[in-house]
């Protein structure tokens, strides 16, 4: 069941992936292993977008919308 807690968790996971991707990109510029670090940074940022997109699309489903209406803001 898609609940408020799951939505919050999806946002936190996406934010963590985004921050780790940015930090990995900064680290990639100062390390001799620039290519693998850059690839991991890109994958982390794209995974962040993917998680948010899936959460958004699941949140738009009519059956899920009623559950999310009951969330405390």
N, C-alpha and C. Protein backbone atom coordinates (compact mmCIF):
# COMPACT_ATOMS: atom_id res chain seq x y z
N UNK A 1 0.85 -1.17 0.00
CA UNK A 1 0.00 0.00 0.00
C UNK A 1 0.89 1.24 0.00
N UNK A 2 0.55 2.19 -0.81
CA UNK A 2 1.30 3.42 -0.97
C UNK A 2 0.81 4.44 0.05
N UNK A 3 1.58 4.67 1.08
CA UNK A 3 1.15 5.53 2.17
C UNK A 3 2.02 6.78 2.24
N UNK A 4 1.68 7.62 3.19
CA UNK A 4 2.45 8.85 3.40
C UNK A 4 3.88 8.54 3.80
N UNK A 5 4.02 7.51 4.64
CA UNK A 5 5.36 7.13 5.10
C UNK A 5 6.23 6.66 3.94
N UNK A 6 5.64 5.92 3.03
CA UNK A 6 6.38 5.45 1.86
C UNK A 6 6.75 6.62 0.94
N UNK A 7 5.86 7.58 0.81
CA UNK A 7 6.15 8.76 -0.01
C UNK A 7 7.30 9.56 0.60
N UNK A 8 7.28 9.73 1.92
CA UNK A 8 8.37 10.45 2.58
C UNK A 8 9.68 9.70 2.42
N UNK A 9 9.63 8.40 2.52
CA UNK A 9 10.84 7.58 2.34
C UNK A 9 11.39 7.71 0.92
N UNK A 10 10.51 7.74 -0.05
CA UNK A 10 10.95 7.89 -1.45
C UNK A 10 11.63 9.24 -1.65
N UNK A 11 11.09 10.27 -1.05
CA UNK A 11 11.70 11.61 -1.17
C UNK A 11 13.06 11.64 -0.49
N UNK A 12 13.17 11.02 0.68
CA UNK A 12 14.45 10.99 1.39
C UNK A 12 15.50 10.18 0.62
N UNK A 13 15.10 9.06 0.04
CA UNK A 13 16.03 8.26 -0.75
C UNK A 13 16.49 9.04 -1.98
N UNK A 14 15.57 9.73 -2.63
CA UNK A 14 15.92 10.52 -3.81
C UNK A 14 16.87 11.67 -3.44
N UNK A 15 16.60 12.31 -2.32
CA UNK A 15 17.48 13.40 -1.89
C UNK A 15 18.87 12.88 -1.53
N UNK A 16 18.92 11.73 -0.87
CA UNK A 16 20.20 11.13 -0.51
C UNK A 16 20.99 10.75 -1.77
N UNK A 17 20.32 10.18 -2.75
CA UNK A 17 21.00 9.83 -3.99
C UNK A 17 21.50 11.07 -4.72
N UNK A 18 20.71 12.12 -4.71
CA UNK A 18 21.13 13.36 -5.38
C UNK A 18 22.35 13.97 -4.71
N UNK A 19 22.33 14.04 -3.39
CA UNK A 19 23.47 14.62 -2.67
C UNK A 19 24.71 13.75 -2.84
N UNK A 20 24.54 12.44 -2.77
CA UNK A 20 25.70 11.57 -2.95
C UNK A 20 26.26 11.67 -4.38
N UNK A 21 25.39 11.84 -5.35
CA UNK A 21 25.85 12.02 -6.73
C UNK A 21 26.64 13.30 -6.91
N UNK A 22 26.18 14.37 -6.30
CA UNK A 22 26.90 15.64 -6.39
C UNK A 22 28.25 15.54 -5.67
N UNK A 23 28.26 14.93 -4.49
CA UNK A 23 29.52 14.77 -3.77
C UNK A 23 30.49 13.85 -4.50
N UNK A 24 29.97 12.81 -5.13
CA UNK A 24 30.84 11.93 -5.93
C UNK A 24 31.43 12.67 -7.13
N UNK A 25 30.67 13.55 -7.71
CA UNK A 25 31.19 14.32 -8.85
C UNK A 25 32.30 15.26 -8.39
N UNK A 26 32.12 15.87 -7.25
CA UNK A 26 33.19 16.74 -6.70
C UNK A 26 34.41 15.90 -6.39
N UNK A 27 34.20 14.72 -5.80
CA UNK A 27 35.30 13.83 -5.49
C UNK A 27 35.99 13.32 -6.75
N UNK A 28 35.23 13.13 -7.82
CA UNK A 28 35.80 12.62 -9.07
C UNK A 28 36.81 13.59 -9.68
N UNK A 29 36.64 14.85 -9.40
CA UNK A 29 37.56 15.84 -9.97
C UNK A 29 38.89 15.88 -9.24
N UNK A 30 38.95 15.29 -8.04
CA UNK A 30 40.19 15.34 -7.27
C UNK A 30 40.84 13.98 -7.08
N UNK A 31 40.29 12.94 -7.68
CA UNK A 31 40.83 11.59 -7.49
C UNK A 31 41.39 11.06 -8.81
N UNK A 32 42.35 10.15 -8.73
CA UNK A 32 42.86 9.57 -9.97
C UNK A 32 41.86 8.63 -10.66
N UNK A 33 40.83 8.21 -9.94
CA UNK A 33 39.81 7.34 -10.52
C UNK A 33 38.61 8.16 -10.97
N UNK A 34 38.84 9.08 -11.86
CA UNK A 34 37.81 10.04 -12.25
C UNK A 34 36.68 9.38 -13.05
N UNK A 35 37.01 8.47 -13.94
CA UNK A 35 35.98 7.89 -14.80
C UNK A 35 34.99 7.03 -14.01
N UNK A 36 35.42 6.09 -13.17
CA UNK A 36 34.42 5.32 -12.40
C UNK A 36 33.62 6.19 -11.43
N UNK A 37 34.27 7.15 -10.81
CA UNK A 37 33.55 8.02 -9.87
C UNK A 37 32.52 8.87 -10.60
N UNK A 38 32.84 9.33 -11.79
CA UNK A 38 31.89 10.11 -12.58
C UNK A 38 30.71 9.25 -13.00
N UNK A 39 30.97 8.01 -13.37
CA UNK A 39 29.88 7.12 -13.75
C UNK A 39 28.95 6.84 -12.58
N UNK A 40 29.52 6.58 -11.41
CA UNK A 40 28.69 6.35 -10.22
C UNK A 40 27.91 7.60 -9.85
N UNK A 41 28.52 8.77 -10.02
CA UNK A 41 27.82 10.02 -9.73
C UNK A 41 26.64 10.20 -10.68
N UNK A 42 26.86 9.93 -11.95
CA UNK A 42 25.77 10.06 -12.93
C UNK A 42 24.66 9.06 -12.64
N UNK A 43 25.01 7.83 -12.30
CA UNK A 43 24.01 6.82 -11.96
C UNK A 43 23.21 7.22 -10.72
N UNK A 44 23.87 7.79 -9.73
CA UNK A 44 23.18 8.21 -8.51
C UNK A 44 22.19 9.34 -8.80
N UNK A 45 22.60 10.29 -9.60
CA UNK A 45 21.71 11.41 -9.94
C UNK A 45 20.52 10.93 -10.78
N UNK A 46 20.78 10.05 -11.75
CA UNK A 46 19.69 9.53 -12.57
C UNK A 46 18.76 8.63 -11.76
N UNK A 47 19.31 7.87 -10.82
CA UNK A 47 18.47 7.04 -9.95
C UNK A 47 17.59 7.92 -9.07
N UNK A 48 18.11 9.05 -8.64
CA UNK A 48 17.33 10.00 -7.85
C UNK A 48 16.12 10.49 -8.64
N UNK A 49 16.36 10.84 -9.87
CA UNK A 49 15.25 11.29 -10.73
C UNK A 49 14.26 10.15 -10.96
N UNK A 50 14.77 8.94 -11.15
CA UNK A 50 13.90 7.79 -11.36
C UNK A 50 13.02 7.49 -10.16
N UNK A 51 13.59 7.57 -8.97
CA UNK A 51 12.82 7.32 -7.75
C UNK A 51 11.71 8.36 -7.60
N UNK A 52 12.04 9.61 -7.84
CA UNK A 52 11.02 10.66 -7.72
C UNK A 52 9.95 10.52 -8.80
N UNK A 53 10.33 10.12 -10.00
CA UNK A 53 9.36 9.94 -11.07
C UNK A 53 8.40 8.79 -10.76
N UNK A 54 8.92 7.69 -10.25
CA UNK A 54 8.07 6.55 -9.90
C UNK A 54 7.13 6.93 -8.75
N UNK A 55 7.65 7.63 -7.76
CA UNK A 55 6.81 8.06 -6.63
C UNK A 55 5.71 9.01 -7.12
N UNK A 56 6.05 9.90 -8.03
CA UNK A 56 5.08 10.85 -8.56
C UNK A 56 3.99 10.13 -9.36
N UNK A 57 4.40 9.20 -10.21
CA UNK A 57 3.43 8.49 -11.04
C UNK A 57 2.54 7.58 -10.19
N UNK A 58 3.10 6.94 -9.17
CA UNK A 58 2.28 6.13 -8.28
C UNK A 58 1.33 7.00 -7.46
N UNK A 59 1.77 8.18 -7.12
CA UNK A 59 0.91 9.10 -6.37
C UNK A 59 -0.25 9.63 -7.18
N UNK A 60 -0.15 9.58 -8.50
CA UNK A 60 -1.23 10.07 -9.35
C UNK A 60 -2.35 9.05 -9.58
N UNK A 61 -2.11 7.81 -9.23
CA UNK A 61 -3.14 6.80 -9.42
C UNK A 61 -4.35 7.13 -8.55
N UNK A 62 -5.56 6.99 -9.08
CA UNK A 62 -6.76 7.39 -8.34
C UNK A 62 -6.93 6.66 -7.00
N UNK A 63 -6.62 5.39 -6.95
CA UNK A 63 -6.77 4.65 -5.69
C UNK A 63 -5.79 5.15 -4.64
N UNK A 64 -4.61 5.55 -5.07
CA UNK A 64 -3.59 6.02 -4.14
C UNK A 64 -3.86 7.46 -3.69
N UNK A 65 -4.53 8.20 -4.53
CA UNK A 65 -4.78 9.62 -4.24
C UNK A 65 -5.61 9.79 -2.97
N UNK A 66 -6.55 8.90 -2.72
CA UNK A 66 -7.36 9.01 -1.52
C UNK A 66 -6.53 8.75 -0.27
N UNK A 67 -5.56 7.84 -0.34
CA UNK A 67 -4.70 7.59 0.80
C UNK A 67 -3.79 8.78 1.08
N UNK A 68 -3.31 9.42 0.01
CA UNK A 68 -2.41 10.55 0.20
C UNK A 68 -3.15 11.82 0.63
N UNK A 69 -4.44 11.88 0.38
CA UNK A 69 -5.23 13.03 0.86
C UNK A 69 -5.32 13.07 2.37
N UNK A 70 -5.17 11.91 3.01
CA UNK A 70 -5.28 11.84 4.46
C UNK A 70 -3.97 12.13 5.18
N UNK A 71 -2.91 12.47 4.45
CA UNK A 71 -1.61 12.76 5.06
C UNK A 71 -1.66 14.08 5.83
N UNK A 72 -0.91 14.11 6.91
CA UNK A 72 -0.78 15.36 7.66
C UNK A 72 0.35 16.16 7.04
N UNK A 73 0.11 17.42 6.79
CA UNK A 73 1.12 18.24 6.12
C UNK A 73 1.88 19.06 7.15
